[in-house]
Amino acid sequence: MKNITIYTANACPYCIKTKEYFLKKGIKYDEKNVQENSQAKQELLSMGYRTVPVILIDDEEIVGFDKSRIDRAIG
Protein backbone atom coordinates (compact mmCIF):
# COMPACT_ATOMS: atom_id res chain seq x y z
CA MET A 1 0.00 0.00 0.00
CA LYS A 2 1.24 3.47 -0.90
CA ASN A 3 1.85 6.17 1.69
CA ILE A 4 -0.31 9.14 0.62
CA THR A 5 -0.48 12.62 2.12
CA ILE A 6 -2.48 15.52 0.72
CA TYR A 7 -1.75 19.10 1.74
CA THR A 8 -4.98 21.09 1.53
CA ALA A 9 -6.71 24.37 2.37
CA ASN A 10 -10.36 24.92 3.31
CA ALA A 11 -11.66 26.87 0.32
CA CYS A 12 -9.52 25.19 -2.33
CA PRO A 13 -11.74 23.65 -5.05
CA TYR A 14 -8.93 21.45 -6.39
CA CYS A 15 -8.28 20.12 -2.89
CA ILE A 16 -11.94 19.12 -2.67
CA LYS A 17 -11.79 17.45 -6.09
CA THR A 18 -8.62 15.59 -5.10
CA LYS A 19 -10.13 14.27 -1.87
CA GLU A 20 -13.34 13.26 -3.68
CA TYR A 21 -11.28 11.42 -6.31
CA PHE A 22 -9.39 9.41 -3.67
CA LEU A 23 -12.65 8.68 -1.83
CA LYS A 24 -14.31 7.49 -5.06
CA LYS A 25 -11.37 5.16 -5.74
CA GLY A 26 -11.44 3.89 -2.13
CA ILE A 27 -7.88 5.03 -1.43
CA LYS A 28 -6.94 6.10 2.08
CA TYR A 29 -4.78 9.16 2.64
CA ASP A 30 -3.60 11.51 5.36
CA GLU A 31 -4.76 15.09 5.04
CA LYS A 32 -2.72 18.04 6.27
CA ASN A 33 -4.71 21.26 6.18
CA VAL A 34 -2.28 24.18 5.98
CA GLN A 35 -4.91 26.67 7.20
CA GLU A 36 -5.64 24.73 10.36
CA ASN A 37 -2.19 23.30 11.07
CA SER A 38 0.80 25.63 11.22
CA GLN A 39 3.24 22.70 11.23
CA ALA A 40 1.71 21.41 7.98
CA LYS A 41 2.09 24.89 6.48
CA GLN A 42 5.76 24.96 7.46
CA GLU A 43 6.29 21.48 5.97
CA LEU A 44 4.74 22.62 2.69
CA LEU A 45 6.86 25.77 2.58
CA SER A 46 10.02 23.80 3.39
CA MET A 47 9.32 21.63 0.33
CA GLY A 48 9.24 24.82 -1.77
CA TYR A 49 5.48 24.99 -2.36
CA ARG A 50 3.11 27.88 -1.76
CA THR A 51 0.03 26.35 -3.34
CA VAL A 52 -2.30 23.43 -2.68
CA PRO A 53 -3.12 20.69 -3.22
CA VAL A 54 0.25 19.01 -3.00
CA ILE A 55 -0.05 15.24 -3.07
CA LEU A 56 2.74 13.01 -1.81
CA ILE A 57 2.52 9.41 -2.99
CA ASP A 58 5.49 7.64 -1.48
CA ASP A 59 8.41 9.73 -2.86
CA GLU A 60 6.49 11.36 -5.72
CA GLU A 61 5.22 14.93 -5.35
CA ILE A 62 2.23 16.00 -7.44
CA VAL A 63 1.15 19.63 -7.45
CA GLY A 64 -2.50 20.24 -8.31
CA PHE A 65 -5.25 17.81 -9.22
CA ASP A 66 -3.63 15.79 -12.00
CA LYS A 67 -5.64 12.56 -12.42
CA SER A 68 -3.23 10.91 -14.86
CA ARG A 69 -0.19 11.50 -12.62
CA ILE A 70 -2.14 10.35 -9.58
CA ASP A 71 -3.23 7.17 -11.35
CA ARG A 72 0.32 6.42 -12.51
CA ALA A 73 1.71 7.04 -9.02
CA ILE A 74 -0.79 4.79 -7.25
CA GLY A 75 -0.33 2.09 -9.88
PDB file of N, CA and C in Angstrom:
ATOM      1  N   MET A   1       0.827  -1.187   0.000  1.00  0.00           N
ATOM      2  CA  MET A   1       0.000   0.000   0.000  1.00  0.00           C
ATOM      3  C   MET A   1       0.871   1.250   0.000  1.00  0.00           C
ATOM      4  N   LYS A   2       0.479   2.228  -0.780  1.00  0.00           N
ATOM      5  CA  LYS A   2       1.239   3.471  -0.898  1.00  0.00           C
ATOM      6  C   LYS A   2       0.975   4.375   0.297  1.00  0.00           C
ATOM      7  N   ASN A   3       1.973   5.167   0.647  1.00  0.00           N
ATOM      8  CA  ASN A   3       1.846   6.172   1.692  1.00  0.00           C
ATOM      9  C   ASN A   3       1.435   7.483   1.019  1.00  0.00           C
ATOM     10  N   ILE A   4       0.233   7.971   1.317  1.00  0.00           N
ATOM     11  CA  ILE A   4      -0.309   9.139   0.623  1.00  0.00           C
ATOM     12  C   ILE A   4      -0.655  10.236   1.619  1.00  0.00           C
ATOM     13  N   THR A   5      -0.154  11.439   1.332  1.00  0.00           N
ATOM     14  CA  THR A   5      -0.479  12.619   2.121  1.00  0.00           C
ATOM     15  C   THR A   5      -0.912  13.717   1.169  1.00  0.00           C
ATOM     16  N   ILE A   6      -1.989  14.413   1.527  1.00  0.00           N
ATOM     17  CA  ILE A   6      -2.477  15.518   0.716  1.00  0.00           C
ATOM     18  C   ILE A   6      -2.466  16.778   1.567  1.00  0.00           C
ATOM     19  N   TYR A   7      -1.736  17.787   1.103  1.00  0.00           N
ATOM     20  CA  TYR A   7      -1.746  19.100   1.744  1.00  0.00           C
ATOM     21  C   TYR A   7      -2.892  19.894   1.134  1.00  0.00           C
ATOM     22  N   THR A   8      -3.770  20.426   1.997  1.00  0.00           N
ATOM     23  CA  THR A   8      -4.983  21.087   1.530  1.00  0.00           C
ATOM     24  C   THR A   8      -5.195  22.430   2.226  1.00  0.00           C
ATOM     25  N   ALA A   9      -6.208  23.151   1.729  1.00  0.00           N
ATOM     26  CA  ALA A   9      -6.707  24.369   2.374  1.00  0.00           C
ATOM     27  C   ALA A   9      -8.231  24.319   2.292  1.00  0.00           C
ATOM     28  N   ASN A  10      -8.904  25.020   3.177  1.00  0.00           N
ATOM     29  CA  ASN A  10     -10.358  24.917   3.312  1.00  0.00           C
ATOM     30  C   ASN A  10     -11.136  25.270   2.045  1.00  0.00           C
ATOM     31  N   ALA A  11     -10.839  26.384   1.433  1.00  0.00           N
ATOM     32  CA  ALA A  11     -11.656  26.872   0.319  1.00  0.00           C
ATOM     33  C   ALA A  11     -11.086  26.505  -1.052  1.00  0.00           C
ATOM     34  N   CYS A  12     -10.201  25.557  -1.095  1.00  0.00           N
ATOM     35  CA  CYS A  12      -9.518  25.187  -2.333  1.00  0.00           C
ATOM     36  C   CYS A  12     -10.352  24.178  -3.123  1.00  0.00           C
ATOM     37  N   PRO A  13     -10.900  24.579  -4.286  1.00  0.00           N
ATOM     38  CA  PRO A  13     -11.745  23.648  -5.054  1.00  0.00           C
ATOM     39  C   PRO A  13     -10.976  22.432  -5.577  1.00  0.00           C
ATOM     40  N   TYR A  14      -9.705  22.592  -5.905  1.00  0.00           N
ATOM     41  CA  TYR A  14      -8.934  21.446  -6.392  1.00  0.00           C
ATOM     42  C   TYR A  14      -8.580  20.482  -5.265  1.00  0.00           C
ATOM     43  N   CYS A  15      -8.480  20.998  -4.050  1.00  0.00           N
ATOM     44  CA  CYS A  15      -8.279  20.117  -2.891  1.00  0.00           C
ATOM     45  C   CYS A  15      -9.511  19.243  -2.691  1.00  0.00           C
ATOM     46  N   ILE A  16     -10.682  19.856  -2.812  1.00  0.00           N
ATOM     47  CA  ILE A  16     -11.939  19.117  -2.665  1.00  0.00           C
ATOM     48  C   ILE A  16     -12.048  18.053  -3.746  1.00  0.00           C
ATOM     49  N   LYS A  17     -11.731  18.415  -4.990  1.00  0.00           N
ATOM     50  CA  LYS A  17     -11.786  17.445  -6.089  1.00  0.00           C
ATOM     51  C   LYS A  17     -10.808  16.297  -5.858  1.00  0.00           C
ATOM     52  N   THR A  18      -9.627  16.621  -5.361  1.00  0.00           N
ATOM     53  CA  THR A  18      -8.620  15.589  -5.098  1.00  0.00           C
ATOM     54  C   THR A  18      -9.118  14.615  -4.039  1.00  0.00           C
ATOM     55  N   LYS A  19      -9.636  15.134  -2.941  1.00  0.00           N
ATOM     56  CA  LYS A  19     -10.132  14.267  -1.869  1.00  0.00           C
ATOM     57  C   LYS A  19     -11.311  13.422  -2.351  1.00  0.00           C
ATOM     58  N   GLU A  20     -12.212  14.012  -3.131  1.00  0.00           N
ATOM     59  CA  GLU A  20     -13.341  13.259  -3.679  1.00  0.00           C
ATOM     60  C   GLU A  20     -12.861  12.143  -4.601  1.00  0.00           C
ATOM     61  N   TYR A  21     -11.822  12.419  -5.386  1.00  0.00           N
ATOM     62  CA  TYR A  21     -11.278  11.418  -6.309  1.00  0.00           C
ATOM     63  C   TYR A  21     -10.717  10.226  -5.535  1.00  0.00           C
ATOM     64  N   PHE A  22      -9.946  10.491  -4.488  1.00  0.00           N
ATOM     65  CA  PHE A  22      -9.395   9.414  -3.675  1.00  0.00           C
ATOM     66  C   PHE A  22     -10.506   8.636  -2.979  1.00  0.00           C
ATOM     67  N   LEU A  23     -11.518   9.337  -2.488  1.00  0.00           N
ATOM     68  CA  LEU A  23     -12.651   8.681  -1.834  1.00  0.00           C
ATOM     69  C   LEU A  23     -13.382   7.766  -2.818  1.00  0.00           C
ATOM     70  N   LYS A  24     -13.627   8.273  -4.032  1.00  0.00           N
ATOM     71  CA  LYS A  24     -14.312   7.490  -5.062  1.00  0.00           C
ATOM     72  C   LYS A  24     -13.537   6.222  -5.415  1.00  0.00           C
ATOM     73  N   LYS A  25     -12.205   6.318  -5.406  1.00  0.00           N
ATOM     74  CA  LYS A  25     -11.366   5.163  -5.736  1.00  0.00           C
ATOM     75  C   LYS A  25     -11.119   4.265  -4.512  1.00  0.00           C
ATOM     76  N   GLY A  26     -11.610   4.689  -3.341  1.00  0.00           N
ATOM     77  CA  GLY A  26     -11.442   3.888  -2.127  1.00  0.00           C
ATOM     78  C   GLY A  26     -10.025   3.871  -1.600  1.00  0.00           C
ATOM     79  N   ILE A  27      -9.283   4.954  -1.843  1.00  0.00           N
ATOM     80  CA  ILE A  27      -7.879   5.029  -1.430  1.00  0.00           C
ATOM     81  C   ILE A  27      -7.762   5.908  -0.188  1.00  0.00           C
ATOM     82  N   LYS A  28      -7.122   5.358   0.834  1.00  0.00           N
ATOM     83  CA  LYS A  28      -6.938   6.097   2.080  1.00  0.00           C
ATOM     84  C   LYS A  28      -5.743   7.033   1.959  1.00  0.00           C
ATOM     85  N   TYR A  29      -5.847   8.166   2.648  1.00  0.00           N
ATOM     86  CA  TYR A  29      -4.784   9.162   2.637  1.00  0.00           C
ATOM     87  C   TYR A  29      -4.795   9.924   3.947  1.00  0.00           C
ATOM     88  N   ASP A  30      -3.684  10.583   4.235  1.00  0.00           N
ATOM     89  CA  ASP A  30      -3.601  11.506   5.362  1.00  0.00           C
ATOM     90  C   ASP A  30      -3.749  12.904   4.805  1.00  0.00           C
ATOM     91  N   GLU A  31      -4.559  13.712   5.464  1.00  0.00           N
ATOM     92  CA  GLU A  31      -4.757  15.092   5.039  1.00  0.00           C
ATOM     93  C   GLU A  31      -4.058  16.027   6.018  1.00  0.00           C
ATOM     94  N   LYS A  32      -3.351  17.001   5.464  1.00  0.00           N
ATOM     95  CA  LYS A  32      -2.722  18.043   6.273  1.00  0.00           C
ATOM     96  C   LYS A  32      -3.235  19.386   5.772  1.00  0.00           C
ATOM     97  N   ASN A  33      -4.103  19.995   6.554  1.00  0.00           N
ATOM     98  CA  ASN A  33      -4.708  21.263   6.179  1.00  0.00           C
ATOM     99  C   ASN A  33      -3.784  22.398   6.628  1.00  0.00           C
ATOM    100  N   VAL A  34      -3.262  23.137   5.671  1.00  0.00           N
ATOM    101  CA  VAL A  34      -2.276  24.184   5.980  1.00  0.00           C
ATOM    102  C   VAL A  34      -2.910  25.411   6.630  1.00  0.00           C
ATOM    103  N   GLN A  35      -4.231  25.554   6.530  1.00  0.00           N
ATOM    104  CA  GLN A  35      -4.912  26.672   7.196  1.00  0.00           C
ATOM    105  C   GLN A  35      -5.141  26.377   8.668  1.00  0.00           C
ATOM    106  N   GLU A  36      -5.322  25.119   8.991  1.00  0.00           N
ATOM    107  CA  GLU A  36      -5.645  24.733  10.361  1.00  0.00           C
ATOM    108  C   GLU A  36      -4.443  24.209  11.134  1.00  0.00           C
ATOM    109  N   ASN A  37      -3.347  23.922  10.437  1.00  0.00           N
ATOM    110  CA  ASN A  37      -2.193  23.299  11.072  1.00  0.00           C
ATOM    111  C   ASN A  37      -0.930  24.038  10.647  1.00  0.00           C
ATOM    112  N   SER A  38      -0.376  24.817  11.560  1.00  0.00           N
ATOM    113  CA  SER A  38       0.801  25.632  11.219  1.00  0.00           C
ATOM    114  C   SER A  38       2.017  24.759  10.908  1.00  0.00           C
ATOM    115  N   GLN A  39       2.120  23.596  11.536  1.00  0.00           N
ATOM    116  CA  GLN A  39       3.240  22.696  11.233  1.00  0.00           C
ATOM    117  C   GLN A  39       3.132  22.189   9.794  1.00  0.00           C
ATOM    118  N   ALA A  40       1.916  21.859   9.360  1.00  0.00           N
ATOM    119  CA  ALA A  40       1.705  21.413   7.977  1.00  0.00           C
ATOM    120  C   ALA A  40       2.080  22.519   6.999  1.00  0.00           C
ATOM    121  N   LYS A  41       1.740  23.747   7.344  1.00  0.00           N
ATOM    122  CA  LYS A  41       2.092  24.886   6.483  1.00  0.00           C
ATOM    123  C   LYS A  41       3.606  25.014   6.366  1.00  0.00           C
ATOM    124  N   GLN A  42       4.305  24.873   7.477  1.00  0.00           N
ATOM    125  CA  GLN A  42       5.765  24.960   7.455  1.00  0.00           C
ATOM    126  C   GLN A  42       6.379  23.816   6.646  1.00  0.00           C
ATOM    127  N   GLU A  43       5.803  22.619   6.761  1.00  0.00           N
ATOM    128  CA  GLU A  43       6.289  21.480   5.971  1.00  0.00           C
ATOM    129  C   GLU A  43       6.160  21.776   4.480  1.00  0.00           C
ATOM    130  N   LEU A  44       4.995  22.306   4.098  1.00  0.00           N
ATOM    131  CA  LEU A  44       4.742  22.621   2.692  1.00  0.00           C
ATOM    132  C   LEU A  44       5.728  23.673   2.188  1.00  0.00           C
ATOM    133  N   LEU A  45       5.921  24.719   2.970  1.00  0.00           N
ATOM    134  CA  LEU A  45       6.857  25.774   2.583  1.00  0.00           C
ATOM    135  C   LEU A  45       8.288  25.242   2.497  1.00  0.00           C
ATOM    136  N   SER A  46       8.655  24.345   3.404  1.00  0.00           N
ATOM    137  CA  SER A  46      10.019  23.797   3.391  1.00  0.00           C
ATOM    138  C   SER A  46      10.266  22.928   2.163  1.00  0.00           C
ATOM    139  N   MET A  47       9.189  22.403   1.563  1.00  0.00           N
ATOM    140  CA  MET A  47       9.318  21.631   0.325  1.00  0.00           C
ATOM    141  C   MET A  47       9.374  22.552  -0.895  1.00  0.00           C
ATOM    142  N   GLY A  48       9.158  23.855  -0.674  1.00  0.00           N
ATOM    143  CA  GLY A  48       9.238  24.819  -1.766  1.00  0.00           C
ATOM    144  C   GLY A  48       7.911  25.143  -2.410  1.00  0.00           C
ATOM    145  N   TYR A  49       6.804  24.743  -1.781  1.00  0.00           N
ATOM    146  CA  TYR A  49       5.481  24.987  -2.361  1.00  0.00           C
ATOM    147  C   TYR A  49       4.734  26.065  -1.595  1.00  0.00           C
ATOM    148  N   ARG A  50       3.955  26.841  -2.349  1.00  0.00           N
ATOM    149  CA  ARG A  50       3.113  27.875  -1.761  1.00  0.00           C
ATOM    150  C   ARG A  50       1.659  27.707  -2.198  1.00  0.00           C
ATOM    151  N   THR A  51       1.366  26.601  -2.828  1.00  0.00           N
ATOM    152  CA  THR A  51       0.026  26.346  -3.342  1.00  0.00           C
ATOM    153  C   THR A  51      -0.429  24.949  -2.932  1.00  0.00           C
ATOM    154  N   VAL A  52      -1.720  24.739  -2.965  1.00  0.00           N
ATOM    155  CA  VAL A  52      -2.296  23.430  -2.677  1.00  0.00           C
ATOM    156  C   VAL A  52      -3.282  23.076  -3.778  1.00  0.00           C
ATOM    157  N   PRO A  53      -3.608  21.838  -3.972  1.00  0.00           N
ATOM    158  CA  PRO A  53      -3.123  20.688  -3.223  1.00  0.00           C
ATOM    159  C   PRO A  53      -1.724  20.250  -3.669  1.00  0.00           C
ATOM    160  N   VAL A  54      -1.000  19.720  -2.721  1.00  0.00           N
ATOM    161  CA  VAL A  54       0.247  19.005  -3.004  1.00  0.00           C
ATOM    162  C   VAL A  54       0.023  17.590  -2.496  1.00  0.00           C
ATOM    163  N   ILE A  55       0.207  16.641  -3.385  1.00  0.00           N
ATOM    164  CA  ILE A  55      -0.054  15.237  -3.069  1.00  0.00           C
ATOM    165  C   ILE A  55       1.274  14.490  -3.045  1.00  0.00           C
ATOM    166  N   LEU A  56       1.544  13.832  -1.932  1.00  0.00           N
ATOM    167  CA  LEU A  56       2.743  13.008  -1.812  1.00  0.00           C
ATOM    168  C   LEU A  56       2.306  11.549  -1.871  1.00  0.00           C
ATOM    169  N   ILE A  57       2.782  10.845  -2.867  1.00  0.00           N
ATOM    170  CA  ILE A  57       2.518   9.414  -2.994  1.00  0.00           C
ATOM    171  C   ILE A  57       3.862   8.720  -2.951  1.00  0.00           C
ATOM    172  N   ASP A  58       4.154   8.126  -1.797  1.00  0.00           N
ATOM    173  CA  ASP A  58       5.491   7.642  -1.482  1.00  0.00           C
ATOM    174  C   ASP A  58       6.476   8.797  -1.708  1.00  0.00           C
ATOM    175  N   ASP A  59       7.406   8.665  -2.653  1.00  0.00           N
ATOM    176  CA  ASP A  59       8.405   9.728  -2.864  1.00  0.00           C
ATOM    177  C   ASP A  59       8.031  10.695  -3.980  1.00  0.00           C
ATOM    178  N   GLU A  60       6.885  10.488  -4.611  1.00  0.00           N
ATOM    179  CA  GLU A  60       6.487  11.362  -5.722  1.00  0.00           C
ATOM    180  C   GLU A  60       5.645  12.529  -5.214  1.00  0.00           C
ATOM    181  N   GLU A  61       5.964  13.721  -5.708  1.00  0.00           N
ATOM    182  CA  GLU A  61       5.224  14.928  -5.353  1.00  0.00           C
ATOM    183  C   GLU A  61       4.419  15.391  -6.565  1.00  0.00           C
ATOM    184  N   ILE A  62       3.124  15.559  -6.369  1.00  0.00           N
ATOM    185  CA  ILE A  62       2.235  16.001  -7.438  1.00  0.00           C
ATOM    186  C   ILE A  62       1.578  17.299  -6.989  1.00  0.00           C
ATOM    187  N   VAL A  63       1.735  18.339  -7.776  1.00  0.00           N
ATOM    188  CA  VAL A  63       1.145  19.631  -7.453  1.00  0.00           C
ATOM    189  C   VAL A  63      -0.116  19.799  -8.286  1.00  0.00           C
ATOM    190  N   GLY A  64      -1.232  20.069  -7.618  1.00  0.00           N
ATOM    191  CA  GLY A  64      -2.497  20.240  -8.307  1.00  0.00           C
ATOM    192  C   GLY A  64      -3.211  18.914  -8.491  1.00  0.00           C
ATOM    193  N   PHE A  65      -4.430  18.997  -8.988  1.00  0.00           N
ATOM    194  CA  PHE A  65      -5.252  17.811  -9.218  1.00  0.00           C
ATOM    195  C   PHE A  65      -4.984  17.298 -10.624  1.00  0.00           C
ATOM    196  N   ASP A  66      -4.048  16.353 -10.727  1.00  0.00           N
ATOM    197  CA  ASP A  66      -3.626  15.790 -12.004  1.00  0.00           C
ATOM    198  C   ASP A  66      -3.956  14.289 -11.990  1.00  0.00           C
ATOM    199  N   LYS A  67      -5.149  13.943 -12.485  1.00  0.00           N
ATOM    200  CA  LYS A  67      -5.636  12.556 -12.422  1.00  0.00           C
ATOM    201  C   LYS A  67      -4.655  11.555 -13.030  1.00  0.00           C
ATOM    202  N   SER A  68      -4.103  11.877 -14.196  1.00  0.00           N
ATOM    203  CA  SER A  68      -3.229  10.912 -14.862  1.00  0.00           C
ATOM    204  C   SER A  68      -1.960  10.659 -14.035  1.00  0.00           C
ATOM    205  N   ARG A  69      -1.377  11.695 -13.462  1.00  0.00           N
ATOM    206  CA  ARG A  69      -0.187  11.501 -12.618  1.00  0.00           C
ATOM    207  C   ARG A  69      -0.535  10.752 -11.350  1.00  0.00           C
ATOM    208  N   ILE A  70      -1.702  11.060 -10.783  1.00  0.00           N
ATOM    209  CA  ILE A  70      -2.141  10.349  -9.575  1.00  0.00           C
ATOM    210  C   ILE A  70      -2.307   8.861  -9.889  1.00  0.00           C
ATOM    211  N   ASP A  71      -2.995   8.561 -10.980  1.00  0.00           N
ATOM    212  CA  ASP A  71      -3.229   7.167 -11.352  1.00  0.00           C
ATOM    213  C   ASP A  71      -1.924   6.415 -11.598  1.00  0.00           C
ATOM    214  N   ARG A  72      -0.971   7.059 -12.263  1.00  0.00           N
ATOM    215  CA  ARG A  72       0.323   6.418 -12.508  1.00  0.00           C
ATOM    216  C   ARG A  72       1.053   6.166 -11.177  1.00  0.00           C
ATOM    217  N   ALA A  73       0.988   7.142 -10.275  1.00  0.00           N
ATOM    218  CA  ALA A  73       1.714   7.038  -9.020  1.00  0.00           C
ATOM    219  C   ALA A  73       1.132   5.966  -8.088  1.00  0.00           C
ATOM    220  N   ILE A  74      -0.191   5.802  -8.126  1.00  0.00           N
ATOM    221  CA  ILE A  74      -0.785   4.794  -7.249  1.00  0.00           C
ATOM    222  C   ILE A  74      -0.787   3.405  -7.872  1.00  0.00           C
ATOM    223  N   GLY A  75      -0.491   3.361  -9.185  1.00  0.00           N
ATOM    224  CA  GLY A  75      -0.333   2.094  -9.881  1.00  0.00           C
ATOM    225  C   GLY A  75      -1.592   1.312  -9.912  1.00  0.00           C
TER     226      GLY A  75
END
